[in-house]
């Protein structure tokens, strides 16, 4: 939907210290597999799932991302990035 909020990884607080940053993106999807798992507490059998990254690796890698952001103290920092399905 294009909406984002920046949170610090270690504390989960919204916002970040001013400075230069490499920007990465992630979009995970979950799908059912042909396996099942049993809940040890209830004995209920459910389909197992697996999660996977849907974005191209260039967007998800801190070493390969072409995107950067310069966060300035005391300013409203808004960054828009044009992601393509085939970078």
PDB file of N, CA and C in Angstrom:
ATOM      1  N   UNK A   1       0.812  -1.200   0.000  1.00  0.00           N
ATOM      2  CA  UNK A   1       0.000   0.000   0.000  1.00  0.00           C
ATOM      3  C   UNK A   1       0.854   1.263   0.000  1.00  0.00           C
ATOM      4  N   UNK A   2       2.164   1.115   0.094  1.00  0.00           N
ATOM      5  CA  UNK A   2       3.063   2.252  -0.012  1.00  0.00           C
ATOM      6  C   UNK A   2       3.274   3.049   1.255  1.00  0.00           C
ATOM      7  N   UNK A   3       2.656   2.667   2.346  1.00  0.00           N
ATOM      8  CA  UNK A   3       2.819   3.385   3.603  1.00  0.00           C
ATOM      9  C   UNK A   3       3.951   2.751   4.394  1.00  0.00           C
ATOM     10  N   UNK A   4       4.777   3.598   5.025  1.00  0.00           N
ATOM     11  CA  UNK A   4       5.883   3.050   5.795  1.00  0.00           C
ATOM     12  C   UNK A   4       6.142   3.897   7.029  1.00  0.00           C
ATOM     13  N   UNK A   5       6.740   3.271   8.013  1.00  0.00           N
ATOM     14  CA  UNK A   5       7.240   3.969   9.206  1.00  0.00           C
ATOM     15  C   UNK A   5       8.596   3.377   9.503  1.00  0.00           C
ATOM     16  N   UNK A   6       9.486   4.211   9.904  1.00  0.00           N
ATOM     17  CA  UNK A   6      10.830   3.768  10.239  1.00  0.00           C
ATOM     18  C   UNK A   6      10.910   3.509  11.736  1.00  0.00           C
ATOM     19  N   UNK A   7      11.378   2.331  12.086  1.00  0.00           N
ATOM     20  CA  UNK A   7      11.575   1.989  13.492  1.00  0.00           C
ATOM     21  C   UNK A   7      13.006   1.541  13.675  1.00  0.00           C
ATOM     22  N   UNK A   8      13.591   1.890  14.811  1.00  0.00           N
ATOM     23  CA  UNK A   8      14.940   1.413  15.090  1.00  0.00           C
ATOM     24  C   UNK A   8      14.866  -0.069  15.418  1.00  0.00           C
ATOM     25  N   UNK A   9      15.802  -0.815  14.892  1.00  0.00           N
ATOM     26  CA  UNK A   9      15.791  -2.267  15.022  1.00  0.00           C
ATOM     27  C   UNK A   9      15.955  -2.714  16.470  1.00  0.00           C
ATOM     28  N   UNK A  10      16.860  -2.090  17.192  1.00  0.00           N
ATOM     29  CA  UNK A  10      17.183  -2.572  18.541  1.00  0.00           C
ATOM     30  C   UNK A  10      16.124  -2.236  19.580  1.00  0.00           C
ATOM     31  N   UNK A  11      15.462  -1.079  19.446  1.00  0.00           N
ATOM     32  CA  UNK A  11      14.503  -0.682  20.478  1.00  0.00           C
ATOM     33  C   UNK A  11      13.058  -0.694  20.001  1.00  0.00           C
ATOM     34  N   UNK A  12      12.844  -0.650  18.707  1.00  0.00           N
ATOM     35  CA  UNK A  12      11.488  -0.610  18.177  1.00  0.00           C
ATOM     36  C   UNK A  12      10.846   0.765  18.235  1.00  0.00           C
ATOM     37  N   UNK A  13      11.590   1.785  18.671  1.00  0.00           N
ATOM     38  CA  UNK A  13      11.057   3.141  18.714  1.00  0.00           C
ATOM     39  C   UNK A  13      10.922   3.700  17.299  1.00  0.00           C
ATOM     40  N   UNK A  14       9.901   4.512  17.105  1.00  0.00           N
ATOM     41  CA  UNK A  14       9.714   5.158  15.806  1.00  0.00           C
ATOM     42  C   UNK A  14      10.715   6.296  15.678  1.00  0.00           C
ATOM     43  N   UNK A  15      11.407   6.349  14.547  1.00  0.00           N
ATOM     44  CA  UNK A  15      12.389   7.401  14.297  1.00  0.00           C
ATOM     45  C   UNK A  15      13.798   6.849  14.238  1.00  0.00           C
ATOM     46  N   UNK A  16      14.719   7.718  13.872  1.00  0.00           N
ATOM     47  CA  UNK A  16      16.113   7.313  13.721  1.00  0.00           C
ATOM     48  C   UNK A  16      17.016   8.532  13.912  1.00  0.00           C
ATOM     49  N   UNK A  17      18.238   8.300  14.280  1.00  0.00           N
ATOM     50  CA  UNK A  17      19.225   9.353  14.468  1.00  0.00           C
ATOM     51  C   UNK A  17      19.601   9.936  13.109  1.00  0.00           C
ATOM     52  N   UNK A  18      19.813  11.249  13.052  1.00  0.00           N
ATOM     53  CA  UNK A  18      20.207  11.903  11.807  1.00  0.00           C
ATOM     54  C   UNK A  18      21.488  11.282  11.267  1.00  0.00           C
ATOM     55  N   UNK A  19      21.579  11.198   9.939  1.00  0.00           N
ATOM     56  CA  UNK A  19      22.762  10.636   9.307  1.00  0.00           C
ATOM     57  C   UNK A  19      22.457  10.070   7.940  1.00  0.00           C
ATOM     58  N   UNK A  20      23.464   9.447   7.353  1.00  0.00           N
ATOM     59  CA  UNK A  20      23.354   8.831   6.032  1.00  0.00           C
ATOM     60  C   UNK A  20      23.071   7.342   6.198  1.00  0.00           C
ATOM     61  N   UNK A  21      22.114   6.820   5.439  1.00  0.00           N
ATOM     62  CA  UNK A  21      21.713   5.424   5.576  1.00  0.00           C
ATOM     63  C   UNK A  21      21.544   4.745   4.224  1.00  0.00           C
ATOM     64  N   UNK A  22      21.863   3.457   4.185  1.00  0.00           N
ATOM     65  CA  UNK A  22      21.504   2.604   3.063  1.00  0.00           C
ATOM     66  C   UNK A  22      20.124   2.053   3.388  1.00  0.00           C
ATOM     67  N   UNK A  23      19.231   2.070   2.404  1.00  0.00           N
ATOM     68  CA  UNK A  23      17.844   1.655   2.620  1.00  0.00           C
ATOM     69  C   UNK A  23      17.607   0.293   1.971  1.00  0.00           C
ATOM     70  N   UNK A  24      16.997  -0.605   2.715  1.00  0.00           N
ATOM     71  CA  UNK A  24      16.590  -1.905   2.172  1.00  0.00           C
ATOM     72  C   UNK A  24      15.091  -2.074   2.369  1.00  0.00           C
ATOM     73  N   UNK A  25      14.526  -3.013   1.642  1.00  0.00           N
ATOM     74  CA  UNK A  25      13.093  -3.277   1.690  1.00  0.00           C
ATOM     75  C   UNK A  25      12.865  -4.776   1.836  1.00  0.00           C
ATOM     76  N   UNK A  26      11.713  -5.118   2.393  1.00  0.00           N
ATOM     77  CA  UNK A  26      11.361  -6.521   2.541  1.00  0.00           C
ATOM     78  C   UNK A  26       9.855  -6.671   2.420  1.00  0.00           C
ATOM     79  N   UNK A  27       9.425  -7.692   1.711  1.00  0.00           N
ATOM     80  CA  UNK A  27       8.008  -8.038   1.624  1.00  0.00           C
ATOM     81  C   UNK A  27       7.921  -9.561   1.702  1.00  0.00           C
ATOM     82  N   UNK A  28       7.485 -10.021   2.851  1.00  0.00           N
ATOM     83  CA  UNK A  28       7.401 -11.456   3.075  1.00  0.00           C
ATOM     84  C   UNK A  28       5.988 -11.962   2.783  1.00  0.00           C
ATOM     85  N   UNK A  29       5.914 -13.163   2.233  1.00  0.00           N
ATOM     86  CA  UNK A  29       4.630 -13.829   2.040  1.00  0.00           C
ATOM     87  C   UNK A  29       4.709 -15.195   2.703  1.00  0.00           C
ATOM     88  N   UNK A  30       3.560 -15.697   3.076  1.00  0.00           N
ATOM     89  CA  UNK A  30       3.461 -16.998   3.726  1.00  0.00           C
ATOM     90  C   UNK A  30       2.547 -17.874   2.890  1.00  0.00           C
ATOM     91  N   UNK A  31       2.962 -19.126   2.710  1.00  0.00           N
ATOM     92  CA  UNK A  31       2.110 -20.062   1.986  1.00  0.00           C
ATOM     93  C   UNK A  31       2.079 -21.401   2.709  1.00  0.00           C
ATOM     94  N   UNK A  32       0.980 -22.115   2.525  1.00  0.00           N
ATOM     95  CA  UNK A  32       0.854 -23.448   3.116  1.00  0.00           C
ATOM     96  C   UNK A  32       1.715 -24.419   2.330  1.00  0.00           C
ATOM     97  N   UNK A  33       2.217 -25.428   3.009  1.00  0.00           N
ATOM     98  CA  UNK A  33       2.988 -26.483   2.348  1.00  0.00           C
ATOM     99  C   UNK A  33       2.148 -27.747   2.325  1.00  0.00           C
ATOM    100  N   UNK A  34       2.691 -28.814   1.721  1.00  0.00           N
ATOM    101  CA  UNK A  34       1.964 -30.080   1.689  1.00  0.00           C
ATOM    102  C   UNK A  34       2.186 -30.900   2.962  1.00  0.00           C
ATOM    103  N   UNK A  35       2.893 -30.334   3.918  1.00  0.00           N
ATOM    104  CA  UNK A  35       3.144 -31.005   5.191  1.00  0.00           C
ATOM    105  C   UNK A  35       2.162 -30.504   6.238  1.00  0.00           C
ATOM    106  N   UNK A  36       2.065 -31.214   7.324  1.00  0.00           N
ATOM    107  CA  UNK A  36       1.227 -30.761   8.429  1.00  0.00           C
ATOM    108  C   UNK A  36       2.016 -30.825   9.725  1.00  0.00           C
ATOM    109  N   UNK A  37       1.559 -30.064  10.687  1.00  0.00           N
ATOM    110  CA  UNK A  37       2.174 -30.048  12.009  1.00  0.00           C
ATOM    111  C   UNK A  37       1.085 -30.263  13.046  1.00  0.00           C
ATOM    112  N   UNK A  38       1.489 -30.780  14.200  1.00  0.00           N
ATOM    113  CA  UNK A  38       0.538 -31.034  15.277  1.00  0.00           C
ATOM    114  C   UNK A  38       0.836 -30.097  16.437  1.00  0.00           C
ATOM    115  N   UNK A  39      -0.188 -29.399  16.891  1.00  0.00           N
ATOM    116  CA  UNK A  39      -0.051 -28.536  18.052  1.00  0.00           C
ATOM    117  C   UNK A  39       0.107 -29.432  19.274  1.00  0.00           C
ATOM    118  N   UNK A  40       1.249 -29.351  19.997  1.00  0.00           N
ATOM    119  CA  UNK A  40       1.486 -30.255  21.122  1.00  0.00           C
ATOM    120  C   UNK A  40       0.516 -30.045  22.287  1.00  0.00           C
ATOM    121  N   UNK A  41      -0.065 -28.877  22.388  1.00  0.00           N
ATOM    122  CA  UNK A  41      -0.994 -28.611  23.484  1.00  0.00           C
ATOM    123  C   UNK A  41      -2.400 -29.112  23.207  1.00  0.00           C
ATOM    124  N   UNK A  42      -2.837 -29.004  21.946  1.00  0.00           N
ATOM    125  CA  UNK A  42      -4.217 -29.388  21.615  1.00  0.00           C
ATOM    126  C   UNK A  42      -4.313 -30.670  20.815  1.00  0.00           C
ATOM    127  N   UNK A  43      -3.208 -31.093  20.202  1.00  0.00           N
ATOM    128  CA  UNK A  43      -3.233 -32.267  19.342  1.00  0.00           C
ATOM    129  C   UNK A  43      -3.832 -31.980  17.975  1.00  0.00           C
ATOM    130  N   UNK A  44      -4.192 -30.739  17.734  1.00  0.00           N
ATOM    131  CA  UNK A  44      -4.802 -30.361  16.465  1.00  0.00           C
ATOM    132  C   UNK A  44      -3.761 -30.344  15.356  1.00  0.00           C
ATOM    133  N   UNK A  45      -4.143 -30.919  14.219  1.00  0.00           N
ATOM    134  CA  UNK A  45      -3.262 -30.967  13.053  1.00  0.00           C
ATOM    135  C   UNK A  45      -3.607 -29.807  12.127  1.00  0.00           C
ATOM    136  N   UNK A  46      -2.584 -29.060  11.710  1.00  0.00           N
ATOM    137  CA  UNK A  46      -2.780 -27.946  10.781  1.00  0.00           C
ATOM    138  C   UNK A  46      -1.718 -27.988   9.697  1.00  0.00           C
ATOM    139  N   UNK A  47      -1.985 -27.288   8.627  1.00  0.00           N
ATOM    140  CA  UNK A  47      -1.031 -27.242   7.518  1.00  0.00           C
ATOM    141  C   UNK A  47       0.201 -26.449   7.944  1.00  0.00           C
ATOM    142  N   UNK A  48       1.364 -26.961   7.607  1.00  0.00           N
ATOM    143  CA  UNK A  48       2.608 -26.239   7.862  1.00  0.00           C
ATOM    144  C   UNK A  48       2.717 -25.106   6.845  1.00  0.00           C
ATOM    145  N   UNK A  49       3.430 -24.058   7.219  1.00  0.00           N
ATOM    146  CA  UNK A  49       3.618 -22.927   6.315  1.00  0.00           C
ATOM    147  C   UNK A  49       5.096 -22.631   6.149  1.00  0.00           C
ATOM    148  N   UNK A  50       5.404 -21.887   5.119  1.00  0.00           N
ATOM    149  CA  UNK A  50       6.760 -21.395   4.922  1.00  0.00           C
ATOM    150  C   UNK A  50       6.648 -19.940   4.501  1.00  0.00           C
ATOM    151  N   UNK A  51       7.629 -19.148   4.898  1.00  0.00           N
ATOM    152  CA  UNK A  51       7.645 -17.737   4.500  1.00  0.00           C
ATOM    153  C   UNK A  51       8.804 -17.523   3.535  1.00  0.00           C
ATOM    154  N   UNK A  52       8.620 -16.552   2.645  1.00  0.00           N
ATOM    155  CA  UNK A  52       9.665 -16.268   1.674  1.00  0.00           C
ATOM    156  C   UNK A  52       9.618 -14.801   1.262  1.00  0.00           C
ATOM    157  N   UNK A  53      10.770 -14.297   0.875  1.00  0.00           N
ATOM    158  CA  UNK A  53      10.924 -12.921   0.416  1.00  0.00           C
ATOM    159  C   UNK A  53      10.418 -12.822  -1.014  1.00  0.00           C
ATOM    160  N   UNK A  54       9.634 -11.776  -1.314  1.00  0.00           N
ATOM    161  CA  UNK A  54       9.088 -11.628  -2.662  1.00  0.00           C
ATOM    162  C   UNK A  54       9.789 -10.557  -3.496  1.00  0.00           C
ATOM    163  N   UNK A  55      10.611  -9.742  -2.863  1.00  0.00           N
ATOM    164  CA  UNK A  55      11.300  -8.682  -3.609  1.00  0.00           C
ATOM    165  C   UNK A  55      12.630  -9.175  -4.166  1.00  0.00           C
ATOM    166  N   UNK A  56      13.082  -8.589  -5.267  1.00  0.00           N
ATOM    167  CA  UNK A  56      14.395  -8.947  -5.823  1.00  0.00           C
ATOM    168  C   UNK A  56      15.507  -8.682  -4.799  1.00  0.00           C
ATOM    169  N   UNK A  57      16.539  -9.488  -4.844  1.00  0.00           N
ATOM    170  CA  UNK A  57      17.633  -9.429  -3.875  1.00  0.00           C
ATOM    171  C   UNK A  57      18.313  -8.062  -3.812  1.00  0.00           C
ATOM    172  N   UNK A  58      18.330  -7.324  -4.909  1.00  0.00           N
ATOM    173  CA  UNK A  58      18.988  -6.015  -4.894  1.00  0.00           C
ATOM    174  C   UNK A  58      18.304  -5.066  -3.901  1.00  0.00           C
ATOM    175  N   UNK A  59      17.020  -5.252  -3.646  1.00  0.00           N
ATOM    176  CA  UNK A  59      16.299  -4.401  -2.703  1.00  0.00           C
ATOM    177  C   UNK A  59      16.456  -4.852  -1.256  1.00  0.00           C
ATOM    178  N   UNK A  60      16.764  -6.096  -1.033  1.00  0.00           N
ATOM    179  CA  UNK A  60      16.791  -6.643   0.329  1.00  0.00           C
ATOM    180  C   UNK A  60      18.183  -6.712   0.936  1.00  0.00           C
ATOM    181  N   UNK A  61      19.205  -6.506   0.141  1.00  0.00           N
ATOM    182  CA  UNK A  61      20.585  -6.652   0.600  1.00  0.00           C
ATOM    183  C   UNK A  61      21.203  -5.315   0.984  1.00  0.00           C
ATOM    184  N   UNK A  62      21.707  -5.215   2.194  1.00  0.00           N
ATOM    185  CA  UNK A  62      22.355  -3.981   2.657  1.00  0.00           C
ATOM    186  C   UNK A  62      23.604  -3.666   1.830  1.00  0.00           C
ATOM    187  N   UNK A  63      24.255  -4.682   1.289  1.00  0.00           N
ATOM    188  CA  UNK A  63      25.477  -4.447   0.511  1.00  0.00           C
ATOM    189  C   UNK A  63      25.196  -4.115  -0.956  1.00  0.00           C
ATOM    190  N   UNK A  64      24.013  -4.461  -1.466  1.00  0.00           N
ATOM    191  CA  UNK A  64      23.720  -4.240  -2.883  1.00  0.00           C
ATOM    192  C   UNK A  64      22.655  -3.187  -3.159  1.00  0.00           C
ATOM    193  N   UNK A  65      21.958  -2.714  -2.139  1.00  0.00           N
ATOM    194  CA  UNK A  65      20.871  -1.763  -2.349  1.00  0.00           C
ATOM    195  C   UNK A  65      21.394  -0.457  -2.951  1.00  0.00           C
ATOM    196  N   UNK A  66      20.742   0.040  -4.008  1.00  0.00           N
ATOM    197  CA  UNK A  66      21.148   1.315  -4.597  1.00  0.00           C
ATOM    198  C   UNK A  66      20.512   2.517  -3.895  1.00  0.00           C
ATOM    199  N   UNK A  67      19.686   2.264  -2.883  1.00  0.00           N
ATOM    200  CA  UNK A  67      18.932   3.331  -2.241  1.00  0.00           C
ATOM    201  C   UNK A  67      19.623   3.859  -0.988  1.00  0.00           C
ATOM    202  N   UNK A  68      19.628   5.175  -0.863  1.00  0.00           N
ATOM    203  CA  UNK A  68      20.189   5.821   0.323  1.00  0.00           C
ATOM    204  C   UNK A  68      19.222   6.904   0.791  1.00  0.00           C
ATOM    205  N   UNK A  69      19.390   7.299   2.049  1.00  0.00           N
ATOM    206  CA  UNK A  69      18.590   8.378   2.607  1.00  0.00           C
ATOM    207  C   UNK A  69      19.467   9.210   3.528  1.00  0.00           C
ATOM    208  N   UNK A  70      19.314  10.503   3.440  1.00  0.00           N
ATOM    209  CA  UNK A  70      20.027  11.426   4.305  1.00  0.00           C
ATOM    210  C   UNK A  70      19.012  12.008   5.289  1.00  0.00           C
ATOM    211  N   UNK A  71      19.055  11.529   6.527  1.00  0.00           N
ATOM    212  CA  UNK A  71      18.117  11.970   7.558  1.00  0.00           C
ATOM    213  C   UNK A  71      18.678  13.214   8.238  1.00  0.00           C
ATOM    214  N   UNK A  72      17.887  14.273   8.243  1.00  0.00           N
ATOM    215  CA  UNK A  72      18.327  15.543   8.818  1.00  0.00           C
ATOM    216  C   UNK A  72      17.581  15.817  10.119  1.00  0.00           C
ATOM    217  N   UNK A  73      18.301  16.237  11.136  1.00  0.00           N
ATOM    218  CA  UNK A  73      17.737  16.520  12.452  1.00  0.00           C
ATOM    219  C   UNK A  73      16.785  17.721  12.384  1.00  0.00           C
ATOM    220  N   UNK A  74      15.644  17.585  13.036  1.00  0.00           N
ATOM    221  CA  UNK A  74      14.696  18.689  13.141  1.00  0.00           C
ATOM    222  C   UNK A  74      13.865  18.938  11.905  1.00  0.00           C
ATOM    223  N   UNK A  75      13.980  18.099  10.891  1.00  0.00           N
ATOM    224  CA  UNK A  75      13.206  18.270   9.660  1.00  0.00           C
ATOM    225  C   UNK A  75      12.222  17.129   9.508  1.00  0.00           C
ATOM    226  N   UNK A  76      11.178  17.358   8.722  1.00  0.00           N
ATOM    227  CA  UNK A  76      10.253  16.285   8.381  1.00  0.00           C
ATOM    228  C   UNK A  76      10.906  15.514   7.241  1.00  0.00           C
ATOM    229  N   UNK A  77      11.400  14.356   7.536  1.00  0.00           N
ATOM    230  CA  UNK A  77      12.122  13.550   6.555  1.00  0.00           C
ATOM    231  C   UNK A  77      11.162  12.563   5.896  1.00  0.00           C
ATOM    232  N   UNK A  78      10.930  12.779   4.622  1.00  0.00           N
ATOM    233  CA  UNK A  78      10.076  11.882   3.844  1.00  0.00           C
ATOM    234  C   UNK A  78      10.885  11.386   2.665  1.00  0.00           C
ATOM    235  N   UNK A  79      10.856  10.088   2.443  1.00  0.00           N
ATOM    236  CA  UNK A  79      11.623   9.493   1.355  1.00  0.00           C
ATOM    237  C   UNK A  79      10.707   8.618   0.522  1.00  0.00           C
ATOM    238  N   UNK A  80      10.711   8.826  -0.767  1.00  0.00           N
ATOM    239  CA  UNK A  80       9.935   8.007  -1.684  1.00  0.00           C
ATOM    240  C   UNK A  80      10.903   7.280  -2.602  1.00  0.00           C
ATOM    241  N   UNK A  81      10.708   5.996  -2.738  1.00  0.00           N
ATOM    242  CA  UNK A  81      11.593   5.167  -3.551  1.00  0.00           C
ATOM    243  C   UNK A  81      10.788   4.458  -4.618  1.00  0.00           C
ATOM    244  N   UNK A  82      11.289   4.453  -5.844  1.00  0.00           N
ATOM    245  CA  UNK A  82      10.612   3.836  -6.976  1.00  0.00           C
ATOM    246  C   UNK A  82      11.153   2.414  -7.157  1.00  0.00           C
ATOM    247  N   UNK A  83      10.409   1.440  -6.640  1.00  0.00           N
ATOM    248  CA  UNK A  83      10.831   0.039  -6.782  1.00  0.00           C
ATOM    249  C   UNK A  83      10.210  -0.537  -8.046  1.00  0.00           C
ATOM    250  N   UNK A  84      10.999  -1.291  -8.766  1.00  0.00           N
ATOM    251  CA  UNK A  84      10.531  -1.921  -9.996  1.00  0.00           C
ATOM    252  C   UNK A  84      10.542  -3.433  -9.809  1.00  0.00           C
ATOM    253  N   UNK A  85       9.618  -4.129 -10.466  1.00  0.00           N
ATOM    254  CA  UNK A  85       9.577  -5.575 -10.308  1.00  0.00           C
ATOM    255  C   UNK A  85      10.804  -6.244 -10.921  1.00  0.00           C
ATOM    256  N   UNK A  86      11.415  -5.584 -11.915  1.00  0.00           N
ATOM    257  CA  UNK A  86      12.657  -6.085 -12.503  1.00  0.00           C
ATOM    258  C   UNK A  86      13.648  -4.935 -12.517  1.00  0.00           C
ATOM    259  N   UNK A  87      14.478  -4.836 -11.444  1.00  0.00           N
ATOM    260  CA  UNK A  87      15.409  -3.691 -11.347  1.00  0.00           C
ATOM    261  C   UNK A  87      16.453  -3.674 -12.438  1.00  0.00           C
TER     262      UNK A  87
END
